Amino acid sequence: MAVTRLPSTRPSASFRERLFSQFGHPRGTLGRLAGRVMAWENARANALVVDVLGVGPDDAVLDVGSGPGVAVAAALARAPRGFVAGVDRSLVMVAQARRRNRAAIRAGRAAIEHADAAALPFPAGRFTRALSVNALQHWHDVAAGVRELHRVLRPGGRVAIALRAQRDAGARDPHAHGADDTDIRALTALLREGGFDAVELRTHDLGRDTLVTLLARRPEEPSRAG
């Protein structure tokens, strides 16, 4: 008796590679699928960074590289009297983030903008908190992005930049590649050169991934006598 083989439902290596290549700048149908994958895979990391950043009820929060808007939603839950904005270079991600946070956007509590980290569309001192989760590696100009974060944070404001730590460079999935010690030292230096202080490194074991978070503060401006 002949046995009919059903087509495999397991994605081919080429499909996985094409899907993972979308994570930096999602586009088209495959980009929309990548956004759904990111929303699921990064949910725990986003919630953790919002918590570590200490988002409070009245904070104004910015998420740079907001992707499908999961961290924006987490920050909104922590800041019921505040405001949360997200920016992303991908129009596909902007659309997904706007759908995910549409009620808050309608209420004027949130905004999702199509923008680059190096040119944030907000006035100086607009935010009290800022974050970026697994996005900095896709910034075109990291130093310019750090300077922009400093500009839009008010004095005393805090930023958290989180990156997946390097694992096995030979594995064929997005978890294989990440920041190593050299990358973390370079980012720490950029934060200090960009005007931040109180730079603190935290490491979080998420099971499949290790998340490295750099916390920093924009210093308070010195008081002017007279």
Protein backbone atom coordinates (compact mmCIF):
# COMPACT_ATOMS: atom_id res chain seq x y z
CA MET A 1 0.00 0.00 0.00
CA ALA A 2 1.47 3.34 -1.03
CA VAL A 3 1.79 6.03 1.61
CA THR A 4 1.14 9.61 0.55
CA ARG A 5 3.49 12.04 2.25
CA LEU A 6 1.95 15.30 3.33
CA PRO A 7 3.95 18.46 2.71
CA SER A 8 6.06 19.45 5.70
CA THR A 9 4.69 22.32 7.75
CA ARG A 10 8.14 23.11 9.12
CA PRO A 11 9.53 26.32 7.60
CA SER A 12 12.55 25.83 5.37
CA ALA A 13 15.88 27.30 6.39
CA SER A 14 15.58 29.85 3.58
CA PHE A 15 12.14 30.94 4.83
CA ARG A 16 13.47 31.34 8.38
CA GLU A 17 16.38 33.40 7.11
CA ARG A 18 14.08 35.63 5.06
CA LEU A 19 11.76 36.06 8.04
CA PHE A 20 14.60 36.86 10.46
CA SER A 21 16.07 39.34 7.98
CA GLN A 22 12.84 41.34 8.37
CA PHE A 23 13.45 42.03 12.04
CA GLY A 24 15.67 45.02 11.33
CA HIS A 25 13.20 46.84 9.05
CA PRO A 26 9.97 44.88 8.46
CA ARG A 27 8.34 45.35 5.06
CA GLY A 28 5.39 43.83 3.23
CA THR A 29 3.61 40.60 4.10
CA LEU A 30 6.69 38.94 5.56
CA GLY A 31 7.33 42.05 7.63
CA ARG A 32 3.84 41.87 9.10
CA LEU A 33 4.49 38.26 10.07
CA ALA A 34 7.84 39.27 11.59
CA GLY A 35 6.01 41.87 13.66
CA ARG A 36 3.69 39.24 15.12
CA VAL A 37 6.68 37.04 15.92
CA MET A 38 8.45 39.95 17.63
CA ALA A 39 5.36 40.84 19.64
CA TRP A 40 5.26 37.32 21.05
CA GLU A 41 8.99 36.73 21.49
CA ASN A 42 9.83 40.12 23.01
CA ALA A 43 6.81 40.50 25.30
CA ARG A 44 8.67 39.39 28.42
CA ALA A 45 11.74 41.50 27.63
CA ASN A 46 9.64 44.59 26.97
CA ALA A 47 7.70 44.23 30.22
CA LEU A 48 10.93 43.67 32.14
CA VAL A 49 12.60 46.81 30.74
CA VAL A 50 9.55 48.94 31.49
CA ASP A 51 9.69 47.62 35.05
CA VAL A 52 13.45 48.16 35.42
CA LEU A 53 13.07 51.70 34.12
CA GLY A 54 10.69 52.41 36.97
CA VAL A 55 7.88 53.89 34.88
CA GLY A 56 5.44 55.65 37.20
CA PRO A 57 1.83 56.85 36.93
CA ASP A 58 2.67 60.34 35.63
CA ASP A 59 5.70 59.61 33.45
CA ALA A 60 6.10 60.63 29.83
CA VAL A 61 7.77 57.66 28.13
CA LEU A 62 9.45 57.22 24.76
CA ASP A 63 10.16 53.85 23.11
CA VAL A 64 12.73 54.10 20.30
CA GLY A 65 12.38 51.22 17.86
CA SER A 66 8.94 50.43 19.22
CA GLY A 67 8.20 47.66 16.71
CA PRO A 68 4.68 46.25 17.12
CA GLY A 69 4.07 48.44 20.19
CA VAL A 70 4.28 45.88 23.00
CA ALA A 71 6.52 48.04 25.23
CA VAL A 72 4.29 51.04 24.52
CA ALA A 73 1.31 49.05 25.83
CA ALA A 74 3.28 47.93 28.90
CA ALA A 75 4.33 51.50 29.66
CA LEU A 76 0.76 52.77 29.24
CA ALA A 77 -0.38 50.28 31.88
CA ARG A 78 2.21 51.69 34.28
CA ALA A 79 1.51 55.37 33.47
CA PRO A 80 -2.28 55.84 33.61
CA ARG A 81 -1.90 59.63 33.97
CA GLY A 82 1.11 59.90 31.68
CA PHE A 83 1.89 59.81 27.98
CA VAL A 84 3.73 57.18 25.92
CA ALA A 85 5.21 57.61 22.45
CA GLY A 86 6.84 55.12 20.13
CA VAL A 87 8.94 55.65 17.04
CA ASP A 88 9.99 53.17 14.37
CA ARG A 89 11.55 53.32 10.90
CA SER A 90 9.21 50.63 9.59
CA LEU A 91 5.77 51.71 8.38
CA VAL A 92 4.59 48.13 8.91
CA MET A 93 5.59 48.33 12.59
CA VAL A 94 4.05 51.78 12.98
CA ALA A 95 0.75 50.39 11.69
CA GLN A 96 0.86 47.38 14.02
CA ALA A 97 1.78 49.52 17.04
CA ARG A 98 -1.03 51.96 16.28
CA ARG A 99 -3.55 49.12 16.10
CA ARG A 100 -2.29 47.60 19.35
CA ASN A 101 -2.56 50.95 21.18
CA ARG A 102 -5.45 52.54 19.29
CA ALA A 103 -7.59 53.23 22.37
CA ALA A 104 -4.78 55.15 24.09
CA ILE A 105 -4.01 57.03 20.87
CA ARG A 106 -7.67 58.06 20.53
CA ALA A 107 -7.60 59.23 24.15
CA GLY A 108 -4.50 61.35 23.53
CA ARG A 109 -2.37 59.21 25.88
CA ALA A 110 -0.14 57.73 23.19
CA ALA A 111 1.40 58.47 19.80
CA ILE A 112 3.27 56.25 17.35
CA GLU A 113 5.47 58.07 14.83
CA HIS A 114 7.40 57.00 11.75
CA ALA A 115 10.88 58.29 12.53
CA ASP A 116 14.55 57.44 12.89
CA ALA A 117 16.40 57.33 16.21
CA ALA A 118 18.79 59.99 14.93
CA ALA A 119 15.97 62.50 14.30
CA LEU A 120 13.28 62.15 16.96
CA PRO A 121 10.17 64.27 16.21
CA PHE A 122 9.77 65.65 19.72
CA PRO A 123 10.81 68.83 21.52
CA ALA A 124 13.66 68.96 23.98
CA GLY A 125 12.83 67.71 27.47
CA ARG A 126 9.54 66.11 26.42
CA PHE A 127 10.04 62.81 28.28
CA THR A 128 10.91 61.61 31.76
CA ARG A 129 11.72 58.04 30.68
CA ALA A 130 13.02 56.48 27.47
CA LEU A 131 13.77 52.93 26.40
CA SER A 132 14.86 50.81 23.49
CA VAL A 133 14.58 47.01 23.47
CA ASN A 134 16.50 44.91 20.92
CA ALA A 135 16.50 47.79 18.44
CA LEU A 136 19.74 49.72 18.83
CA GLN A 137 21.63 47.31 16.55
CA HIS A 138 19.41 48.55 13.71
CA TRP A 139 20.05 52.27 14.26
CA HIS A 140 21.92 53.88 11.36
CA ASP A 141 23.87 56.20 13.67
CA VAL A 142 24.04 55.04 17.29
CA ALA A 143 25.94 58.09 18.54
CA ALA A 144 23.36 60.42 16.99
CA GLY A 145 20.57 58.33 18.51
CA VAL A 146 22.12 58.61 21.96
CA ARG A 147 22.41 62.38 21.56
CA GLU A 148 18.75 62.54 20.54
CA LEU A 149 17.73 60.54 23.61
CA HIS A 150 19.63 63.03 25.77
CA ARG A 151 17.92 65.95 24.02
CA VAL A 152 14.34 64.70 24.43
CA LEU A 153 14.79 63.62 28.06
CA ARG A 154 14.31 66.26 30.69
CA PRO A 155 17.04 66.72 33.33
CA GLY A 156 16.86 63.84 35.79
CA GLY A 157 15.19 61.62 33.19
CA ARG A 158 16.31 58.02 32.78
CA VAL A 159 16.94 55.78 29.80
CA ALA A 160 17.17 51.99 29.49
CA ILE A 161 18.75 50.40 26.42
CA ALA A 162 18.35 46.63 26.31
CA LEU A 163 20.08 44.23 23.94
CA ARG A 164 20.13 40.49 23.53
CA ALA A 165 23.50 39.16 24.71
CA GLN A 166 25.62 37.16 22.32
CA ARG A 167 25.09 33.42 22.43
CA ASP A 168 26.21 30.83 19.89
CA ALA A 169 27.29 32.68 16.76
CA GLY A 170 26.82 29.53 14.70
CA ALA A 171 23.10 29.04 15.35
CA ARG A 172 20.69 30.02 12.58
CA ASP A 173 18.13 32.05 14.44
CA PRO A 174 17.87 35.65 15.70
CA HIS A 175 18.81 34.53 19.21
CA ALA A 176 22.25 33.47 17.99
CA HIS A 177 23.66 36.94 17.61
CA GLY A 178 23.79 39.74 20.08
CA ALA A 179 25.91 42.19 22.01
CA ASP A 180 29.26 41.04 23.37
CA ASP A 181 31.44 42.67 26.02
CA THR A 182 33.07 44.94 23.45
CA ASP A 183 29.67 46.19 22.27
CA ILE A 184 28.55 46.89 25.83
CA ARG A 185 31.73 48.82 26.63
CA ALA A 186 31.33 50.86 23.45
CA LEU A 187 27.69 51.67 24.25
CA THR A 188 28.59 52.61 27.81
CA ALA A 189 31.20 55.02 26.45
CA LEU A 190 28.70 56.50 23.99
CA LEU A 191 26.17 57.10 26.76
CA ARG A 192 28.77 58.94 28.85
CA GLU A 193 30.04 60.91 25.86
CA GLY A 194 26.42 61.76 25.03
CA GLY A 195 25.96 63.45 28.39
CA PHE A 196 24.50 60.65 30.51
CA ASP A 197 25.75 59.61 33.92
CA ALA A 198 24.98 56.95 36.55
CA VAL A 199 25.39 54.27 33.87
CA GLU A 200 24.47 50.87 35.31
CA LEU A 201 24.61 47.43 33.72
CA ARG A 202 22.01 44.80 34.50
CA THR A 203 21.78 41.27 33.14
CA HIS A 204 18.55 39.29 32.96
CA ASP A 205 18.25 35.56 32.28
CA LEU A 206 15.16 35.01 30.15
CA GLY A 207 15.80 31.33 29.54
CA ARG A 208 16.28 31.19 25.81
CA ASP A 209 17.92 34.63 25.84
CA THR A 210 20.05 36.74 28.12
CA LEU A 211 19.06 40.41 28.09
CA VAL A 212 21.65 43.07 28.88
CA THR A 213 20.23 46.43 29.97
CA LEU A 214 22.16 49.66 30.32
CA LEU A 215 20.43 52.19 32.57
CA ALA A 216 21.57 55.81 32.55
CA ARG A 217 20.39 59.24 33.65
CA ARG A 218 20.42 62.69 32.14
CA PRO A 219 21.98 64.75 34.95
CA GLU A 220 20.05 67.46 36.69
CA GLU A 221 20.98 70.93 35.49
CA PRO A 222 22.96 72.97 38.02
CA SER A 223 20.91 75.58 39.82
CA ARG A 224 21.57 79.17 38.85
CA ALA A 225 22.14 81.53 41.72
CA GLY A 226 20.58 84.94 41.57
